[in-house]
Amino acid sequence: MPTYLQPSETDLLTLPSSPEFTVRMKRKATYGDQLEAQSAMLKVDQTIAGTVTRAEWAAYIRTLAARLITEWNLSDELGGPLPITPENIDRLNPQDGEFLAMEANKRLNVRSESDERNFAKPSSDS
């Protein structure tokens, strides 16, 4: 019988601020990762229904990044390990935060290689 759940594949990413700092991130978000990130948006006070505000997007991407990061070698002010949380994502160097947000966003709805072929651009002969 095939095994449904498989260990998450991850990528080792080097932060732009310094090559000594690395982050291991899942290659693909799970359904739970997506739901948790979406629910973070609901915790933000919404003033205009149907509109995603900057605060909601920030809550979403922070939570998604924290859910996709499986480990990092970042430390706090005392040299201890920095826990992977949305609040600590906020504390990162801006270029590192932007980099991780972009990487997290890329990992949503990743299609398999065979699915990707089904969405290939039509040839110029068509």
Protein backbone atom coordinates (compact mmCIF):
# COMPACT_ATOMS: atom_id res chain seq x y z
CA MET A 1 0.00 0.00 0.00
CA PRO A 2 1.43 3.41 -0.93
CA THR A 3 2.23 5.84 1.85
CA TYR A 4 0.14 9.01 1.65
CA LEU A 5 2.20 11.28 3.88
CA GLN A 6 5.82 11.79 2.94
CA PRO A 7 8.52 13.81 4.69
CA SER A 8 8.52 17.40 3.46
CA GLU A 9 11.18 18.18 0.90
CA THR A 10 13.14 21.27 1.90
CA ASP A 11 15.61 23.73 0.41
CA LEU A 12 18.55 25.28 2.23
CA LEU A 13 18.47 29.04 1.61
CA THR A 14 21.23 31.52 2.34
CA LEU A 15 20.00 34.86 3.65
CA PRO A 16 20.99 37.89 1.55
CA SER A 17 22.38 39.79 4.55
CA SER A 18 25.13 37.24 5.21
CA PRO A 19 26.10 33.84 3.80
CA GLU A 20 26.64 32.51 7.34
CA PHE A 21 22.88 32.64 8.05
CA THR A 22 20.78 29.88 6.54
CA VAL A 23 17.14 28.86 6.56
CA ARG A 24 15.67 25.48 5.66
CA MET A 25 12.23 25.90 4.07
CA LYS A 26 9.65 23.39 2.85
CA ARG A 27 9.40 23.20 -0.93
CA LYS A 28 5.63 23.06 -0.87
CA ALA A 29 3.07 24.44 1.56
CA THR A 30 0.63 21.96 3.06
CA TYR A 31 -3.10 22.58 3.33
CA GLY A 32 -2.59 23.33 7.03
CA ASP A 33 0.15 25.86 6.24
CA GLN A 34 -2.22 27.66 3.88
CA LEU A 35 -5.13 27.61 6.34
CA GLU A 36 -3.01 28.93 9.20
CA ALA A 37 -1.74 31.80 7.03
CA GLN A 38 -5.28 32.59 5.85
CA SER A 39 -6.59 32.57 9.42
CA ALA A 40 -3.88 35.07 10.42
CA MET A 41 -5.54 37.55 8.05
CA LEU A 42 -8.85 37.11 9.86
CA LYS A 43 -7.27 38.21 13.14
CA VAL A 44 -6.56 41.63 11.65
CA ASP A 45 -9.35 44.21 11.97
CA GLN A 46 -10.92 44.60 8.53
CA THR A 47 -12.43 47.99 7.75
CA ILE A 48 -13.47 47.45 4.12
CA ALA A 49 -15.07 44.07 3.39
CA GLY A 50 -13.59 42.20 0.44
CA THR A 51 -10.34 44.18 0.42
CA VAL A 52 -7.01 42.75 1.53
CA THR A 53 -5.16 45.43 3.45
CA ARG A 54 -1.40 45.71 3.88
CA ALA A 55 -1.78 44.58 7.50
CA GLU A 56 -3.69 41.48 6.42
CA TRP A 57 -1.14 40.63 3.74
CA ALA A 58 1.68 41.11 6.25
CA ALA A 59 -0.03 38.80 8.76
CA TYR A 60 -0.58 36.22 6.01
CA ILE A 61 2.96 36.19 4.63
CA ARG A 62 4.60 36.30 8.09
CA THR A 63 2.57 33.31 9.23
CA LEU A 64 3.15 31.42 5.99
CA ALA A 65 6.92 31.97 6.18
CA ALA A 66 7.03 30.83 9.82
CA ARG A 67 5.05 27.68 8.92
CA LEU A 68 7.30 26.82 5.97
CA ILE A 69 10.62 27.35 7.76
CA THR A 70 11.67 24.08 9.35
CA GLU A 71 14.93 25.34 10.84
CA TRP A 72 17.35 28.24 10.80
CA ASN A 73 20.66 29.10 12.42
CA LEU A 74 19.58 32.55 13.65
CA SER A 75 20.23 33.60 17.24
CA ASP A 76 18.73 36.14 19.60
CA GLU A 77 20.49 39.03 21.35
CA LEU A 78 21.97 36.66 23.97
CA GLY A 79 23.30 34.19 21.40
CA GLY A 80 20.57 31.62 22.01
CA PRO A 81 18.49 30.04 19.24
CA LEU A 82 15.85 32.39 17.86
CA PRO A 83 12.47 30.59 17.80
CA ILE A 84 10.76 30.44 14.39
CA THR A 85 7.63 32.54 14.92
CA PRO A 86 5.75 35.20 12.94
CA GLU A 87 6.84 37.74 15.57
CA ASN A 88 10.51 36.87 15.01
CA ILE A 89 10.04 37.09 11.24
CA ASP A 90 9.16 40.74 11.96
CA ARG A 91 12.52 41.21 13.68
CA LEU A 92 14.62 40.16 10.68
CA ASN A 93 16.72 42.45 8.56
CA PRO A 94 14.34 43.93 5.92
CA GLN A 95 16.15 42.32 2.99
CA ASP A 96 16.06 38.93 4.72
CA GLY A 97 12.38 39.33 5.56
CA GLU A 98 11.55 40.26 1.95
CA PHE A 99 13.60 37.34 0.67
CA LEU A 100 11.81 34.84 2.94
CA ALA A 101 8.40 36.32 2.09
CA MET A 102 9.13 35.90 -1.62
CA GLU A 103 10.37 32.33 -1.09
CA ALA A 104 7.32 31.44 1.01
CA ASN A 105 4.95 32.87 -1.59
CA LYS A 106 6.64 30.83 -4.35
CA ARG A 107 5.92 27.64 -2.40
CA LEU A 108 2.13 27.98 -2.56
CA ASN A 109 0.26 25.77 -5.01
CA VAL A 110 3.42 24.30 -6.48
CA ARG A 111 2.50 21.96 -9.33
CA SER A 112 4.27 18.67 -9.88
CA GLU A 113 6.48 18.31 -12.95
CA SER A 114 3.81 16.26 -14.77
CA ASP A 115 1.11 18.84 -13.91
CA GLU A 116 3.40 21.62 -15.09
CA ARG A 117 3.68 19.97 -18.53
CA ASN A 118 -0.12 20.12 -18.81
CA PHE A 119 0.11 23.91 -18.39
CA ALA A 120 2.99 24.42 -20.82
CA LYS A 121 2.71 27.31 -23.24
CA PRO A 122 1.26 26.32 -26.60
CA SER A 123 3.74 26.12 -29.42
CA SER A 124 3.91 28.96 -31.93
CA ASP A 125 2.55 26.53 -34.56
CA SER A 126 -0.86 26.36 -32.84
